[in-house]
């Protein structure tokens, strides 16, 4: 029998995080391209981003047809957040001030890379990245790269740079979700994660 879930945050009621969620209004439309393998992953942070940010669209799939909505985005004011050598730093005020849409790839590095190289349409958008990263606070999922952030942290930092939106609401929701995951872990596993905090 399925456990009852919260109608707002969609976590099981014993793990409801609504008390830790503060909604923020963002000007830039965040377009998340979520690899279909991430959609039901309990550790995925996009579900938190959807609770926090008012202007966010999540497209789920794996093939170009799944992301046809990208064809409707204005090319001159949309950008892909991806750390290529040619990516412009979002810390650059000129770059940030012209953005109306920011595309974010959601998945492990392997899955994100697969989306990046399989979606030809992404080459039509300029690429942006971070010249400096905040500390990665999401310790539940292991990343292959030292410069990794969870999707929520990347979105929060991007909106902090472009719109001066506070990052604290994202961190509060992330911490609440992690604490819920910690409490379901065996003590020795939980201690291993906690020592990385």
C-alpha atoms as a PDB file:
ATOM      1  CA  UNK A   1       0.000   0.000   0.000  1.00  0.00           C
ATOM      2  CA  UNK A   2       1.355   3.394  -0.999  1.00  0.00           C
ATOM      3  CA  UNK A   3       2.086   5.811   1.811  1.00  0.00           C
ATOM      4  CA  UNK A   4       0.021   9.033   1.782  1.00  0.00           C
ATOM      5  CA  UNK A   5       1.803  12.011   0.267  1.00  0.00           C
ATOM      6  CA  UNK A   6       1.545  15.742   0.865  1.00  0.00           C
ATOM      7  CA  UNK A   7      -0.609  17.397  -1.794  1.00  0.00           C
ATOM      8  CA  UNK A   8       1.758  20.375  -1.964  1.00  0.00           C
ATOM      9  CA  UNK A   9       5.336  19.065  -1.906  1.00  0.00           C
ATOM     10  CA  UNK A  10       4.501  15.484  -3.026  1.00  0.00           C
ATOM     11  CA  UNK A  11       6.799  13.932  -0.442  1.00  0.00           C
ATOM     12  CA  UNK A  12       5.312  11.279   1.826  1.00  0.00           C
ATOM     13  CA  UNK A  13       3.562  13.047   4.686  1.00  0.00           C
ATOM     14  CA  UNK A  14       6.130  11.935   7.250  1.00  0.00           C
ATOM     15  CA  UNK A  15       8.783  13.666   5.109  1.00  0.00           C
ATOM     16  CA  UNK A  16       6.765  16.767   4.209  1.00  0.00           C
ATOM     17  CA  UNK A  17       9.050  19.785   3.779  1.00  0.00           C
ATOM     18  CA  UNK A  18       6.397  22.466   3.272  1.00  0.00           C
ATOM     19  CA  UNK A  19       7.374  24.196   6.516  1.00  0.00           C
ATOM     20  CA  UNK A  20      10.849  24.727   5.050  1.00  0.00           C
ATOM     21  CA  UNK A  21       9.753  26.074   1.649  1.00  0.00           C
ATOM     22  CA  UNK A  22       9.667  29.778   0.838  1.00  0.00           C
ATOM     23  CA  UNK A  23       8.397  30.736  -2.613  1.00  0.00           C
ATOM     24  CA  UNK A  24      10.400  33.270  -4.611  1.00  0.00           C
ATOM     25  CA  UNK A  25       9.354  35.207  -7.725  1.00  0.00           C
ATOM     26  CA  UNK A  26      11.991  35.052 -10.436  1.00  0.00           C
ATOM     27  CA  UNK A  27      12.002  37.116 -13.629  1.00  0.00           C
ATOM     28  CA  UNK A  28      14.091  34.750 -15.745  1.00  0.00           C
ATOM     29  CA  UNK A  29      12.212  31.664 -16.866  1.00  0.00           C
ATOM     30  CA  UNK A  30      14.174  28.590 -15.812  1.00  0.00           C
ATOM     31  CA  UNK A  31      13.801  25.797 -18.377  1.00  0.00           C
ATOM     32  CA  UNK A  32      14.933  22.474 -16.931  1.00  0.00           C
ATOM     33  CA  UNK A  33      15.691  19.672 -19.381  1.00  0.00           C
ATOM     34  CA  UNK A  34      15.396  16.634 -17.154  1.00  0.00           C
ATOM     35  CA  UNK A  35      16.740  13.302 -18.321  1.00  0.00           C
ATOM     36  CA  UNK A  36      13.905  10.794 -18.023  1.00  0.00           C
ATOM     37  CA  UNK A  37      16.044   8.652 -15.728  1.00  0.00           C
ATOM     38  CA  UNK A  38      15.930  11.440 -13.119  1.00  0.00           C
ATOM     39  CA  UNK A  39      12.180  12.031 -13.011  1.00  0.00           C
ATOM     40  CA  UNK A  40      11.402   9.572 -10.195  1.00  0.00           C
ATOM     41  CA  UNK A  41      14.746   9.731  -8.400  1.00  0.00           C
ATOM     42  CA  UNK A  42      14.046  10.552  -4.747  1.00  0.00           C
ATOM     43  CA  UNK A  43      17.363  12.413  -4.519  1.00  0.00           C
ATOM     44  CA  UNK A  44      16.616  14.736  -7.415  1.00  0.00           C
ATOM     45  CA  UNK A  45      16.490  18.396  -6.403  1.00  0.00           C
ATOM     46  CA  UNK A  46      14.423  19.807  -9.285  1.00  0.00           C
ATOM     47  CA  UNK A  47      11.272  18.972  -7.357  1.00  0.00           C
ATOM     48  CA  UNK A  48      12.488  21.447  -4.719  1.00  0.00           C
ATOM     49  CA  UNK A  49      13.199  24.079  -7.352  1.00  0.00           C
ATOM     50  CA  UNK A  50       9.627  23.733  -8.615  1.00  0.00           C
ATOM     51  CA  UNK A  51       8.348  24.457  -5.104  1.00  0.00           C
ATOM     52  CA  UNK A  52      10.568  27.485  -4.563  1.00  0.00           C
ATOM     53  CA  UNK A  53      10.670  29.337  -7.883  1.00  0.00           C
ATOM     54  CA  UNK A  54       7.544  30.764  -9.473  1.00  0.00           C
ATOM     55  CA  UNK A  55       8.873  30.887 -13.035  1.00  0.00           C
ATOM     56  CA  UNK A  56      10.176  27.413 -13.886  1.00  0.00           C
ATOM     57  CA  UNK A  57       9.324  24.848 -16.562  1.00  0.00           C
ATOM     58  CA  UNK A  58      10.474  21.225 -16.430  1.00  0.00           C
ATOM     59  CA  UNK A  59      10.662  19.229 -19.659  1.00  0.00           C
ATOM     60  CA  UNK A  60      11.314  15.502 -19.233  1.00  0.00           C
ATOM     61  CA  UNK A  61      12.722  13.234 -21.907  1.00  0.00           C
ATOM     62  CA  UNK A  62      15.727  11.901 -23.748  1.00  0.00           C
ATOM     63  CA  UNK A  63      15.152  12.530 -27.463  1.00  0.00           C
ATOM     64  CA  UNK A  64      15.046  15.818 -29.427  1.00  0.00           C
ATOM     65  CA  UNK A  65      11.281  15.410 -29.908  1.00  0.00           C
ATOM     66  CA  UNK A  66      10.803  15.461 -26.126  1.00  0.00           C
ATOM     67  CA  UNK A  67      12.210  18.977 -26.032  1.00  0.00           C
ATOM     68  CA  UNK A  68      10.477  20.584 -29.012  1.00  0.00           C
ATOM     69  CA  UNK A  69       9.406  23.445 -26.742  1.00  0.00           C
ATOM     70  CA  UNK A  70      12.966  24.781 -27.024  1.00  0.00           C
ATOM     71  CA  UNK A  71      12.136  25.880 -30.567  1.00  0.00           C
ATOM     72  CA  UNK A  72       9.822  28.530 -29.105  1.00  0.00           C
ATOM     73  CA  UNK A  73      12.496  30.217 -26.974  1.00  0.00           C
ATOM     74  CA  UNK A  74      13.930  33.568 -28.083  1.00  0.00           C
ATOM     75  CA  UNK A  75      17.482  32.799 -29.182  1.00  0.00           C
ATOM     76  CA  UNK A  76      18.882  36.272 -28.487  1.00  0.00           C
ATOM     77  CA  UNK A  77      17.861  36.278 -24.816  1.00  0.00           C
ATOM     78  CA  UNK A  78      18.050  32.581 -23.895  1.00  0.00           C
ATOM     79  CA  UNK A  79      21.148  30.785 -22.672  1.00  0.00           C
ATOM     80  CA  UNK A  80      22.263  27.304 -21.712  1.00  0.00           C
ATOM     81  CA  UNK A  81      23.926  26.893 -18.330  1.00  0.00           C
ATOM     82  CA  UNK A  82      26.780  24.535 -19.165  1.00  0.00           C
ATOM     83  CA  UNK A  83      30.519  24.717 -18.400  1.00  0.00           C
ATOM     84  CA  UNK A  84      32.086  24.720 -21.862  1.00  0.00           C
ATOM     85  CA  UNK A  85      35.323  26.550 -22.660  1.00  0.00           C
ATOM     86  CA  UNK A  86      33.400  29.227 -24.557  1.00  0.00           C
ATOM     87  CA  UNK A  87      30.757  29.790 -21.883  1.00  0.00           C
ATOM     88  CA  UNK A  88      30.329  33.379 -20.723  1.00  0.00           C
ATOM     89  CA  UNK A  89      30.481  33.918 -16.940  1.00  0.00           C
ATOM     90  CA  UNK A  90      27.118  34.694 -15.392  1.00  0.00           C
ATOM     91  CA  UNK A  91      28.996  36.994 -13.028  1.00  0.00           C
ATOM     92  CA  UNK A  92      29.228  39.355 -16.031  1.00  0.00           C
ATOM     93  CA  UNK A  93      26.412  41.870 -15.532  1.00  0.00           C
ATOM     94  CA  UNK A  94      26.054  42.493 -19.265  1.00  0.00           C
ATOM     95  CA  UNK A  95      25.455  38.793 -19.905  1.00  0.00           C
ATOM     96  CA  UNK A  96      22.977  38.446 -17.048  1.00  0.00           C
ATOM     97  CA  UNK A  97      20.921  41.564 -17.753  1.00  0.00           C
ATOM     98  CA  UNK A  98      19.808  40.378 -21.204  1.00  0.00           C
ATOM     99  CA  UNK A  99      18.557  36.947 -20.168  1.00  0.00           C
ATOM    100  CA  UNK A 100      14.873  36.018 -20.284  1.00  0.00           C
ATOM    101  CA  UNK A 101      15.303  32.205 -20.305  1.00  0.00           C
ATOM    102  CA  UNK A 102      17.971  30.002 -18.731  1.00  0.00           C
ATOM    103  CA  UNK A 103      18.208  26.355 -19.797  1.00  0.00           C
ATOM    104  CA  UNK A 104      19.485  23.902 -17.179  1.00  0.00           C
ATOM    105  CA  UNK A 105      20.329  20.242 -17.839  1.00  0.00           C
ATOM    106  CA  UNK A 106      19.237  17.946 -15.021  1.00  0.00           C
ATOM    107  CA  UNK A 107      20.875  14.574 -14.505  1.00  0.00           C
ATOM    108  CA  UNK A 108      24.149  12.965 -13.539  1.00  0.00           C
ATOM    109  CA  UNK A 109      27.145  14.303 -15.475  1.00  0.00           C
ATOM    110  CA  UNK A 110      26.852  11.314 -17.798  1.00  0.00           C
ATOM    111  CA  UNK A 111      23.157  11.938 -18.440  1.00  0.00           C
ATOM    112  CA  UNK A 112      23.612  15.705 -18.775  1.00  0.00           C
ATOM    113  CA  UNK A 113      26.427  15.202 -21.276  1.00  0.00           C
ATOM    114  CA  UNK A 114      24.232  12.808 -23.232  1.00  0.00           C
ATOM    115  CA  UNK A 115      21.516  15.466 -23.460  1.00  0.00           C
ATOM    116  CA  UNK A 116      24.039  18.135 -24.398  1.00  0.00           C
ATOM    117  CA  UNK A 117      25.490  16.171 -27.297  1.00  0.00           C
ATOM    118  CA  UNK A 118      22.220  14.667 -28.529  1.00  0.00           C
ATOM    119  CA  UNK A 119      20.170  17.883 -28.680  1.00  0.00           C
ATOM    120  CA  UNK A 120      21.467  19.838 -31.682  1.00  0.00           C
ATOM    121  CA  UNK A 121      19.146  22.722 -30.894  1.00  0.00           C
ATOM    122  CA  UNK A 122      21.218  23.579 -27.818  1.00  0.00           C
ATOM    123  CA  UNK A 123      24.010  24.820 -30.086  1.00  0.00           C
ATOM    124  CA  UNK A 124      21.732  27.681 -31.123  1.00  0.00           C
ATOM    125  CA  UNK A 125      21.871  29.210 -27.655  1.00  0.00           C
ATOM    126  CA  UNK A 126      24.829  30.960 -26.096  1.00  0.00           C
ATOM    127  CA  UNK A 127      26.381  29.104 -23.187  1.00  0.00           C
ATOM    128  CA  UNK A 128      26.924  30.546 -19.747  1.00  0.00           C
ATOM    129  CA  UNK A 129      28.637  29.215 -16.667  1.00  0.00           C
ATOM    130  CA  UNK A 130      30.066  30.274 -13.312  1.00  0.00           C
ATOM    131  CA  UNK A 131      33.571  31.655 -12.901  1.00  0.00           C
ATOM    132  CA  UNK A 132      33.413  30.846  -9.187  1.00  0.00           C
ATOM    133  CA  UNK A 133      31.216  28.291  -7.462  1.00  0.00           C
ATOM    134  CA  UNK A 134      29.640  28.347  -4.012  1.00  0.00           C
ATOM    135  CA  UNK A 135      30.291  25.353  -1.801  1.00  0.00           C
ATOM    136  CA  UNK A 136      28.348  22.247  -2.822  1.00  0.00           C
ATOM    137  CA  UNK A 137      26.012  21.501   0.077  1.00  0.00           C
ATOM    138  CA  UNK A 138      24.294  18.452  -1.358  1.00  0.00           C
ATOM    139  CA  UNK A 139      26.177  15.494   0.089  1.00  0.00           C
ATOM    140  CA  UNK A 140      23.666  12.724  -0.626  1.00  0.00           C
ATOM    141  CA  UNK A 141      24.605  12.212  -4.267  1.00  0.00           C
ATOM    142  CA  UNK A 142      28.185  11.562  -5.306  1.00  0.00           C
ATOM    143  CA  UNK A 143      29.392  13.725  -8.196  1.00  0.00           C
ATOM    144  CA  UNK A 144      32.104  12.778 -10.665  1.00  0.00           C
ATOM    145  CA  UNK A 145      33.455  16.333 -10.817  1.00  0.00           C
ATOM    146  CA  UNK A 146      34.748  18.619  -8.124  1.00  0.00           C
ATOM    147  CA  UNK A 147      32.927  21.595  -9.659  1.00  0.00           C
ATOM    148  CA  UNK A 148      29.512  19.971  -9.419  1.00  0.00           C
ATOM    149  CA  UNK A 149      26.396  21.524  -7.944  1.00  0.00           C
ATOM    150  CA  UNK A 150      22.971  19.977  -7.632  1.00  0.00           C
ATOM    151  CA  UNK A 151      20.417  21.362 -10.079  1.00  0.00           C
ATOM    152  CA  UNK A 152      18.742  23.301  -7.270  1.00  0.00           C
ATOM    153  CA  UNK A 153      22.026  24.872  -6.158  1.00  0.00           C
ATOM    154  CA  UNK A 154      22.936  25.790  -9.737  1.00  0.00           C
ATOM    155  CA  UNK A 155      19.543  27.419 -10.295  1.00  0.00           C
ATOM    156  CA  UNK A 156      19.722  29.250  -6.971  1.00  0.00           C
ATOM    157  CA  UNK A 157      23.208  30.577  -7.666  1.00  0.00           C
ATOM    158  CA  UNK A 158      22.286  31.620 -11.211  1.00  0.00           C
ATOM    159  CA  UNK A 159      19.285  33.577  -9.936  1.00  0.00           C
ATOM    160  CA  UNK A 160      21.374  35.081  -7.160  1.00  0.00           C
ATOM    161  CA  UNK A 161      23.825  36.389  -9.754  1.00  0.00           C
ATOM    162  CA  UNK A 162      21.219  37.582 -12.239  1.00  0.00           C
ATOM    163  CA  UNK A 163      18.409  38.790  -9.991  1.00  0.00           C
ATOM    164  CA  UNK A 164      19.997  39.029  -6.536  1.00  0.00           C
ATOM    165  CA  UNK A 165      17.553  36.433  -5.214  1.00  0.00           C
ATOM    166  CA  UNK A 166      18.602  35.008  -1.861  1.00  0.00           C
ATOM    167  CA  UNK A 167      20.025  31.492  -1.860  1.00  0.00           C
ATOM    168  CA  UNK A 168      18.904  30.768   1.714  1.00  0.00           C
ATOM    169  CA  UNK A 169      15.444  29.406   0.722  1.00  0.00           C
ATOM    170  CA  UNK A 170      17.054  26.851  -1.596  1.00  0.00           C
ATOM    171  CA  UNK A 171      19.526  25.800   1.084  1.00  0.00           C
ATOM    172  CA  UNK A 172      16.764  25.488   3.709  1.00  0.00           C
ATOM    173  CA  UNK A 173      14.671  23.194   1.501  1.00  0.00           C
ATOM    174  CA  UNK A 174      17.734  21.176   0.505  1.00  0.00           C
ATOM    175  CA  UNK A 175      18.743  20.718   4.138  1.00  0.00           C
ATOM    176  CA  UNK A 176      15.229  19.581   5.063  1.00  0.00           C
ATOM    177  CA  UNK A 177      15.184  17.016   2.261  1.00  0.00           C
ATOM    178  CA  UNK A 178      18.622  15.723   3.215  1.00  0.00           C
ATOM    179  CA  UNK A 179      17.632  15.376   6.866  1.00  0.00           C
ATOM    180  CA  UNK A 180      14.624  13.307   5.819  1.00  0.00           C
ATOM    181  CA  UNK A 181      16.877  11.065   3.748  1.00  0.00           C
ATOM    182  CA  UNK A 182      19.396  10.761   6.576  1.00  0.00           C
ATOM    183  CA  UNK A 183      16.772   9.539   9.033  1.00  0.00           C
ATOM    184  CA  UNK A 184      15.927   6.589   6.791  1.00  0.00           C
ATOM    185  CA  UNK A 185      19.561   5.482   6.517  1.00  0.00           C
ATOM    186  CA  UNK A 186      21.316   2.960   8.783  1.00  0.00           C
ATOM    187  CA  UNK A 187      23.324   4.757  11.462  1.00  0.00           C
ATOM    188  CA  UNK A 188      26.727   3.851  10.009  1.00  0.00           C
ATOM    189  CA  UNK A 189      25.733   5.081   6.523  1.00  0.00           C
ATOM    190  CA  UNK A 190      24.297   8.291   7.946  1.00  0.00           C
ATOM    191  CA  UNK A 191      27.505   8.933   9.886  1.00  0.00           C
ATOM    192  CA  UNK A 192      29.542   8.526   6.710  1.00  0.00           C
ATOM    193  CA  UNK A 193      27.538  11.226   4.939  1.00  0.00           C
ATOM    194  CA  UNK A 194      27.425  13.505   7.976  1.00  0.00           C
ATOM    195  CA  UNK A 195      31.186  13.597   8.326  1.00  0.00           C
ATOM    196  CA  UNK A 196      31.350  15.280   4.917  1.00  0.00           C
ATOM    197  CA  UNK A 197      29.180  18.202   6.081  1.00  0.00           C
END
